[in-house]
Amino acid sequence: MLFWGGTFIAGRILAESVPPADAAFFRFAIATLTLAVLVRIVDGKITLPPKNQLLPLLLLGLTGVFGYNLCFFTGLKYIEAGRASLIIALNPLAITIGAVVFFSERLSVLQYCGLLISLIGAWFVISNGDPAVIFSGGFGLGEGAILGCVICWAAYSLIGRSVLKYISPLTAVFYSSLFGCLLLFLATLPNGTIINCVSYSGADWWSLLFLGFLGT
């Protein structure tokens, strides 16, 4: 909770001066290098994944790394870190709904009631306590981007179920991070990332290190 909660603070700091794609790329460049070391230590070597898992791993990188982080840093540019963290708390709800829709998981009547209560609670959180505001233009880009995080993370979690039948969790995380990092690098090219990074402040780099080593 300490590490994950800190990602919203670090992300908010970066959102003030670093483009979303750049912040996400450096975060996962650091994380991917760290994960490579961990895989080498824990598993003894870095093995190539089965060919039939390359597409699922690419989809993990596309959803949980590329899509999630572009939405994450974009959202934090427009709304407060605390508000973003409340909206992201919808992740378990979105995963549950996805499991029911795509995997035909069965829920009890009580669990369906819980989903309904959660949806109503989320509606109040996103609307700052005034549900009607969503219909009057009070739902902004920041809220929409953070909801995009929720959708991406639900997809990442559901896709990951099938991947973990064939490779270890640590290896799956490493390759999804690697693929996501490569996609993010392509997104940074229009921003001149390599050149602009020399102007980042100390707070920016500390935030990136926190995100890469601890939050990711």
C-alpha atoms as a PDB file:
ATOM      1  CA  MET A   1       0.000   0.000   0.000  1.00  0.00           C
ATOM      2  CA  LEU A   2       2.908   2.339   0.767  1.00  0.00           C
ATOM      3  CA  PHE A   3       4.575   1.743  -2.605  1.00  0.00           C
ATOM      4  CA  TRP A   4       1.350   1.781  -4.630  1.00  0.00           C
ATOM      5  CA  GLY A   5       0.000   4.861  -2.877  1.00  0.00           C
ATOM      6  CA  GLY A   6       3.265   6.653  -3.542  1.00  0.00           C
ATOM      7  CA  THR A   7       2.905   6.122  -7.294  1.00  0.00           C
ATOM      8  CA  PHE A   8       0.087   8.676  -7.394  1.00  0.00           C
ATOM      9  CA  ILE A   9       2.230  11.295  -5.649  1.00  0.00           C
ATOM     10  CA  ALA A  10       5.243  10.601  -7.863  1.00  0.00           C
ATOM     11  CA  GLY A  11       3.041  10.562 -10.938  1.00  0.00           C
ATOM     12  CA  ARG A  12       1.479  13.888 -10.000  1.00  0.00           C
ATOM     13  CA  ILE A  13       4.965  15.441  -9.649  1.00  0.00           C
ATOM     14  CA  LEU A  14       6.010  14.139 -13.069  1.00  0.00           C
ATOM     15  CA  ALA A  15       2.772  15.226 -14.720  1.00  0.00           C
ATOM     16  CA  GLU A  16       3.655  18.851 -14.014  1.00  0.00           C
ATOM     17  CA  SER A  17       6.667  18.878 -16.333  1.00  0.00           C
ATOM     18  CA  VAL A  18       7.158  15.543 -18.135  1.00  0.00           C
ATOM     19  CA  PRO A  19       4.952  14.379 -21.064  1.00  0.00           C
ATOM     20  CA  PRO A  20       2.880  11.258 -20.216  1.00  0.00           C
ATOM     21  CA  ALA A  21       4.583   8.967 -22.744  1.00  0.00           C
ATOM     22  CA  ASP A  22       8.062  10.050 -21.614  1.00  0.00           C
ATOM     23  CA  ALA A  23       7.303   9.546 -17.930  1.00  0.00           C
ATOM     24  CA  ALA A  24       5.832   6.115 -18.632  1.00  0.00           C
ATOM     25  CA  PHE A  25       8.791   5.075 -20.802  1.00  0.00           C
ATOM     26  CA  PHE A  26      11.450   5.970 -18.238  1.00  0.00           C
ATOM     27  CA  ARG A  27       9.404   4.362 -15.479  1.00  0.00           C
ATOM     28  CA  PHE A  28       9.343   1.060 -17.347  1.00  0.00           C
ATOM     29  CA  ALA A  29      12.875   1.303 -18.668  1.00  0.00           C
ATOM     30  CA  ILE A  30      14.007   1.330 -15.026  1.00  0.00           C
ATOM     31  CA  ALA A  31      11.499  -1.368 -14.076  1.00  0.00           C
ATOM     32  CA  THR A  32      12.418  -3.668 -16.984  1.00  0.00           C
ATOM     33  CA  LEU A  33      16.133  -3.547 -16.137  1.00  0.00           C
ATOM     34  CA  THR A  34      15.317  -4.280 -12.496  1.00  0.00           C
ATOM     35  CA  LEU A  35      13.026  -7.161 -13.439  1.00  0.00           C
ATOM     36  CA  ALA A  36      15.705  -8.624 -15.721  1.00  0.00           C
ATOM     37  CA  VAL A  37      18.070  -8.784 -12.752  1.00  0.00           C
ATOM     38  CA  LEU A  38      15.372 -10.335 -10.557  1.00  0.00           C
ATOM     39  CA  VAL A  39      14.517 -12.990 -13.148  1.00  0.00           C
ATOM     40  CA  ARG A  40      18.211 -13.826 -13.492  1.00  0.00           C
ATOM     41  CA  ILE A  41      18.591 -14.186  -9.713  1.00  0.00           C
ATOM     42  CA  VAL A  42      15.335 -16.032  -8.995  1.00  0.00           C
ATOM     43  CA  ASP A  43      15.061 -18.286 -12.068  1.00  0.00           C
ATOM     44  CA  GLY A  44      18.785 -18.608 -12.768  1.00  0.00           C
ATOM     45  CA  LYS A  45      18.419 -17.409 -16.356  1.00  0.00           C
ATOM     46  CA  ILE A  46      16.153 -15.441 -18.659  1.00  0.00           C
ATOM     47  CA  THR A  47      14.369 -17.868 -20.968  1.00  0.00           C
ATOM     48  CA  LEU A  48      12.425 -17.052 -24.105  1.00  0.00           C
ATOM     49  CA  PRO A  49       8.666 -17.539 -23.700  1.00  0.00           C
ATOM     50  CA  PRO A  50       6.804 -20.160 -25.759  1.00  0.00           C
ATOM     51  CA  LYS A  51       5.957 -18.876 -29.234  1.00  0.00           C
ATOM     52  CA  ASN A  52       2.240 -19.300 -28.608  1.00  0.00           C
ATOM     53  CA  GLN A  53       2.521 -16.869 -25.667  1.00  0.00           C
ATOM     54  CA  LEU A  54       4.183 -14.002 -27.551  1.00  0.00           C
ATOM     55  CA  LEU A  55       0.875 -12.453 -28.606  1.00  0.00           C
ATOM     56  CA  PRO A  56      -0.675 -12.699 -25.099  1.00  0.00           C
ATOM     57  CA  LEU A  57       2.487 -11.168 -23.621  1.00  0.00           C
ATOM     58  CA  LEU A  58       2.350  -8.378 -26.198  1.00  0.00           C
ATOM     59  CA  LEU A  59      -1.276  -7.770 -25.217  1.00  0.00           C
ATOM     60  CA  LEU A  60      -0.224  -7.631 -21.561  1.00  0.00           C
ATOM     61  CA  GLY A  61       2.343  -4.986 -22.458  1.00  0.00           C
ATOM     62  CA  LEU A  62      -0.205  -3.106 -24.555  1.00  0.00           C
ATOM     63  CA  THR A  63      -2.846  -3.003 -21.809  1.00  0.00           C
ATOM     64  CA  GLY A  64      -1.138  -3.096 -18.423  1.00  0.00           C
ATOM     65  CA  VAL A  65       1.952  -1.087 -19.377  1.00  0.00           C
ATOM     66  CA  PHE A  66       1.393   1.023 -22.498  1.00  0.00           C
ATOM     67  CA  GLY A  67      -2.310   1.854 -22.227  1.00  0.00           C
ATOM     68  CA  TYR A  68      -2.486   1.990 -18.439  1.00  0.00           C
ATOM     69  CA  ASN A  69       0.464   4.336 -18.037  1.00  0.00           C
ATOM     70  CA  LEU A  70      -0.461   6.732 -20.806  1.00  0.00           C
ATOM     71  CA  CYS A  71      -3.870   7.053 -19.152  1.00  0.00           C
ATOM     72  CA  PHE A  72      -2.286   7.249 -15.672  1.00  0.00           C
ATOM     73  CA  PHE A  73       0.071  10.151 -16.385  1.00  0.00           C
ATOM     74  CA  THR A  74      -2.488  11.927 -18.563  1.00  0.00           C
ATOM     75  CA  GLY A  75      -5.105  11.721 -15.820  1.00  0.00           C
ATOM     76  CA  LEU A  76      -2.738  12.996 -13.132  1.00  0.00           C
ATOM     77  CA  LYS A  77      -2.071  16.045 -15.280  1.00  0.00           C
ATOM     78  CA  TYR A  78      -5.673  17.142 -14.795  1.00  0.00           C
ATOM     79  CA  ILE A  79      -6.907  15.807 -11.440  1.00  0.00           C
ATOM     80  CA  GLU A  80      -5.523  15.410  -7.918  1.00  0.00           C
ATOM     81  CA  ALA A  81      -3.577  12.310  -6.906  1.00  0.00           C
ATOM     82  CA  GLY A  82      -6.064  11.453  -4.158  1.00  0.00           C
ATOM     83  CA  ARG A  83      -9.024  11.653  -6.517  1.00  0.00           C
ATOM     84  CA  ALA A  84      -7.238   9.479  -9.076  1.00  0.00           C
ATOM     85  CA  SER A  85      -6.477   6.843  -6.443  1.00  0.00           C
ATOM     86  CA  LEU A  86     -10.167   6.665  -5.467  1.00  0.00           C
ATOM     87  CA  ILE A  87     -11.214   6.091  -9.074  1.00  0.00           C
ATOM     88  CA  ILE A  88      -8.507   3.441  -9.579  1.00  0.00           C
ATOM     89  CA  ALA A  89      -9.990   1.600  -6.610  1.00  0.00           C
ATOM     90  CA  LEU A  90     -12.566   0.442  -9.171  1.00  0.00           C
ATOM     91  CA  ASN A  91     -10.019  -2.093 -10.470  1.00  0.00           C
ATOM     92  CA  PRO A  92     -11.385  -5.111  -8.527  1.00  0.00           C
ATOM     93  CA  LEU A  93     -14.927  -4.224  -9.596  1.00  0.00           C
ATOM     94  CA  ALA A  94     -13.935  -4.009 -13.279  1.00  0.00           C
ATOM     95  CA  ILE A  95     -12.019  -7.302 -13.084  1.00  0.00           C
ATOM     96  CA  THR A  96     -15.026  -9.031 -11.511  1.00  0.00           C
ATOM     97  CA  ILE A  97     -17.377  -7.737 -14.200  1.00  0.00           C
ATOM     98  CA  GLY A  98     -14.905  -8.814 -16.900  1.00  0.00           C
ATOM     99  CA  ALA A  99     -14.635 -12.295 -15.407  1.00  0.00           C
ATOM    100  CA  VAL A 100     -18.436 -12.641 -15.452  1.00  0.00           C
ATOM    101  CA  VAL A 101     -18.753 -11.377 -19.033  1.00  0.00           C
ATOM    102  CA  PHE A 102     -15.759 -13.100 -20.661  1.00  0.00           C
ATOM    103  CA  PHE A 103     -15.175 -16.173 -18.485  1.00  0.00           C
ATOM    104  CA  SER A 104     -18.781 -16.870 -17.445  1.00  0.00           C
ATOM    105  CA  GLU A 105     -17.863 -16.833 -13.777  1.00  0.00           C
ATOM    106  CA  ARG A 106     -20.919 -17.175 -11.569  1.00  0.00           C
ATOM    107  CA  LEU A 107     -21.781 -14.802  -8.757  1.00  0.00           C
ATOM    108  CA  SER A 108     -24.306 -15.186  -5.988  1.00  0.00           C
ATOM    109  CA  VAL A 109     -27.240 -12.827  -5.536  1.00  0.00           C
ATOM    110  CA  LEU A 110     -25.369 -11.199  -2.641  1.00  0.00           C
ATOM    111  CA  GLN A 111     -22.310 -10.652  -4.836  1.00  0.00           C
ATOM    112  CA  TYR A 112     -24.444  -9.034  -7.551  1.00  0.00           C
ATOM    113  CA  CYS A 113     -25.847  -6.735  -4.877  1.00  0.00           C
ATOM    114  CA  GLY A 114     -22.271  -5.919  -3.890  1.00  0.00           C
ATOM    115  CA  LEU A 115     -21.432  -5.038  -7.507  1.00  0.00           C
ATOM    116  CA  LEU A 116     -24.440  -2.727  -7.701  1.00  0.00           C
ATOM    117  CA  ILE A 117     -23.489  -0.971  -4.455  1.00  0.00           C
ATOM    118  CA  SER A 118     -19.893  -0.624  -5.697  1.00  0.00           C
ATOM    119  CA  LEU A 119     -21.052   0.922  -8.971  1.00  0.00           C
ATOM    120  CA  ILE A 120     -23.232   3.417  -7.113  1.00  0.00           C
ATOM    121  CA  GLY A 121     -20.319   4.253  -4.796  1.00  0.00           C
ATOM    122  CA  ALA A 122     -18.011   4.726  -7.772  1.00  0.00           C
ATOM    123  CA  TRP A 123     -20.544   7.044  -9.380  1.00  0.00           C
ATOM    124  CA  PHE A 124     -20.534   9.235  -6.267  1.00  0.00           C
ATOM    125  CA  VAL A 125     -16.726   9.226  -6.065  1.00  0.00           C
ATOM    126  CA  ILE A 126     -16.203  10.150  -9.721  1.00  0.00           C
ATOM    127  CA  SER A 127     -18.842  12.899  -9.525  1.00  0.00           C
ATOM    128  CA  ASN A 128     -17.482  14.348  -6.259  1.00  0.00           C
ATOM    129  CA  GLY A 129     -20.715  13.510  -4.441  1.00  0.00           C
ATOM    130  CA  ASP A 130     -23.056  14.951  -7.064  1.00  0.00           C
ATOM    131  CA  PRO A 131     -24.054  12.181  -9.529  1.00  0.00           C
ATOM    132  CA  ALA A 132     -25.988  14.608 -11.727  1.00  0.00           C
ATOM    133  CA  VAL A 133     -22.784  16.513 -12.552  1.00  0.00           C
ATOM    134  CA  ILE A 134     -21.673  13.730 -14.930  1.00  0.00           C
ATOM    135  CA  PHE A 135     -24.630  14.534 -17.183  1.00  0.00           C
ATOM    136  CA  SER A 136     -23.914  18.267 -17.123  1.00  0.00           C
ATOM    137  CA  GLY A 137     -20.348  18.243 -18.398  1.00  0.00           C
ATOM    138  CA  GLY A 138     -18.643  17.723 -15.036  1.00  0.00           C
ATOM    139  CA  PHE A 139     -16.828  14.600 -16.208  1.00  0.00           C
ATOM    140  CA  GLY A 140     -13.468  15.767 -17.533  1.00  0.00           C
ATOM    141  CA  LEU A 141     -10.457  14.419 -19.409  1.00  0.00           C
ATOM    142  CA  GLY A 142      -8.680  13.566 -16.151  1.00  0.00           C
ATOM    143  CA  GLU A 143     -11.499  11.363 -14.873  1.00  0.00           C
ATOM    144  CA  GLY A 144     -11.858   9.736 -18.288  1.00  0.00           C
ATOM    145  CA  ALA A 145      -8.149   8.947 -18.468  1.00  0.00           C
ATOM    146  CA  ILE A 146      -8.113   7.358 -15.019  1.00  0.00           C
ATOM    147  CA  LEU A 147     -11.158   5.281 -15.947  1.00  0.00           C
ATOM    148  CA  GLY A 148      -9.067   4.198 -18.945  1.00  0.00           C
ATOM    149  CA  CYS A 149      -6.531   2.913 -16.401  1.00  0.00           C
ATOM    150  CA  VAL A 150      -9.245   0.789 -14.821  1.00  0.00           C
ATOM    151  CA  ILE A 151     -10.245  -0.716 -18.169  1.00  0.00           C
ATOM    152  CA  CYS A 152      -6.609  -1.412 -19.116  1.00  0.00           C
ATOM    153  CA  TRP A 153      -5.830  -3.037 -15.770  1.00  0.00           C
ATOM    154  CA  ALA A 154      -8.915  -5.243 -15.919  1.00  0.00           C
ATOM    155  CA  ALA A 155      -7.877  -6.406 -19.396  1.00  0.00           C
ATOM    156  CA  TYR A 156      -4.298  -6.997 -18.182  1.00  0.00           C
ATOM    157  CA  SER A 157      -5.511  -9.090 -15.249  1.00  0.00           C
ATOM    158  CA  LEU A 158      -7.899 -11.179 -17.323  1.00  0.00           C
ATOM    159  CA  ILE A 159      -5.369 -11.840 -20.104  1.00  0.00           C
ATOM    160  CA  GLY A 160      -2.778 -12.723 -17.478  1.00  0.00           C
ATOM    161  CA  ARG A 161      -4.891 -15.656 -16.286  1.00  0.00           C
ATOM    162  CA  SER A 162      -4.179 -17.606 -19.471  1.00  0.00           C
ATOM    163  CA  VAL A 163      -0.503 -16.625 -19.628  1.00  0.00           C
ATOM    164  CA  LEU A 164       0.234 -17.915 -16.134  1.00  0.00           C
ATOM    165  CA  LYS A 165      -0.708 -21.425 -17.206  1.00  0.00           C
ATOM    166  CA  TYR A 166       2.487 -21.573 -19.277  1.00  0.00           C
ATOM    167  CA  ILE A 167       5.109 -19.299 -17.666  1.00  0.00           C
ATOM    168  CA  SER A 168       5.983 -18.088 -14.173  1.00  0.00           C
ATOM    169  CA  PRO A 169       4.495 -14.847 -12.796  1.00  0.00           C
ATOM    170  CA  LEU A 170       7.901 -13.124 -12.615  1.00  0.00           C
ATOM    171  CA  THR A 171       8.743 -14.014 -16.220  1.00  0.00           C
ATOM    172  CA  ALA A 172       5.290 -12.887 -17.370  1.00  0.00           C
ATOM    173  CA  VAL A 173       5.717  -9.536 -15.634  1.00  0.00           C
ATOM    174  CA  PHE A 174       9.220  -9.120 -17.098  1.00  0.00           C
ATOM    175  CA  TYR A 175       8.127  -9.718 -20.701  1.00  0.00           C
ATOM    176  CA  SER A 176       4.959  -7.658 -20.402  1.00  0.00           C
ATOM    177  CA  SER A 177       7.115  -4.833 -19.020  1.00  0.00           C
ATOM    178  CA  LEU A 178       9.640  -5.274 -21.845  1.00  0.00           C
ATOM    179  CA  PHE A 179       7.007  -5.234 -24.604  1.00  0.00           C
ATOM    180  CA  GLY A 180       5.212  -2.313 -22.986  1.00  0.00           C
ATOM    181  CA  CYS A 181       8.477  -0.376 -22.675  1.00  0.00           C
ATOM    182  CA  LEU A 182       9.213  -0.853 -26.383  1.00  0.00           C
ATOM    183  CA  LEU A 183       5.734   0.399 -27.288  1.00  0.00           C
ATOM    184  CA  LEU A 184       6.176   3.399 -25.001  1.00  0.00           C
ATOM    185  CA  PHE A 185       9.529   4.191 -26.616  1.00  0.00           C
ATOM    186  CA  LEU A 186       7.806   4.450 -29.995  1.00  0.00           C
ATOM    187  CA  ALA A 187       5.278   6.830 -28.424  1.00  0.00           C
ATOM    188  CA  THR A 188       8.075   9.063 -27.113  1.00  0.00           C
ATOM    189  CA  LEU A 189       9.823   9.573 -30.459  1.00  0.00           C
ATOM    190  CA  PRO A 190       7.771  12.663 -31.442  1.00  0.00           C
ATOM    191  CA  ASN A 191       8.735  14.278 -28.095  1.00  0.00           C
ATOM    192  CA  GLY A 192      12.513  13.953 -28.495  1.00  0.00           C
ATOM    193  CA  THR A 193      12.739  12.023 -25.222  1.00  0.00           C
ATOM    194  CA  ILE A 194      16.480  11.363 -25.143  1.00  0.00           C
ATOM    195  CA  ILE A 195      17.264  15.051 -25.565  1.00  0.00           C
ATOM    196  CA  ASN A 196      14.610  16.411 -23.196  1.00  0.00           C
ATOM    197  CA  CYS A 197      15.466  14.110 -20.281  1.00  0.00           C
ATOM    198  CA  VAL A 198      18.611  16.120 -19.457  1.00  0.00           C
ATOM    199  CA  SER A 199      16.380  18.991 -18.354  1.00  0.00           C
ATOM    200  CA  TYR A 200      14.399  16.930 -15.832  1.00  0.00           C
ATOM    201  CA  SER A 201      14.609  18.186 -12.263  1.00  0.00           C
ATOM    202  CA  GLY A 202      15.909  16.198  -9.313  1.00  0.00           C
ATOM    203  CA  ALA A 203      12.335  15.675  -8.123  1.00  0.00           C
ATOM    204  CA  ASP A 204      11.440  14.263 -11.547  1.00  0.00           C
ATOM    205  CA  TRP A 205      14.265  11.717 -11.449  1.00  0.00           C
ATOM    206  CA  TRP A 206      13.557  10.724  -7.843  1.00  0.00           C
ATOM    207  CA  SER A 207       9.925  10.212  -8.833  1.00  0.00           C
ATOM    208  CA  LEU A 208      10.948   8.052 -11.792  1.00  0.00           C
ATOM    209  CA  LEU A 209      13.295   5.981  -9.624  1.00  0.00           C
ATOM    210  CA  PHE A 210      10.546   5.484  -7.046  1.00  0.00           C
ATOM    211  CA  LEU A 211       8.097   4.447  -9.747  1.00  0.00           C
ATOM    212  CA  GLY A 212      10.563   2.121 -11.490  1.00  0.00           C
ATOM    213  CA  PHE A 213      12.082   0.373  -8.456  1.00  0.00           C
ATOM    214  CA  LEU A 214       9.222   0.358  -5.974  1.00  0.00           C
ATOM    215  CA  GLY A 215       5.891   1.243  -7.552  1.00  0.00           C
ATOM    216  CA  THR A 216       6.388  -1.103 -10.515  1.00  0.00           C
END
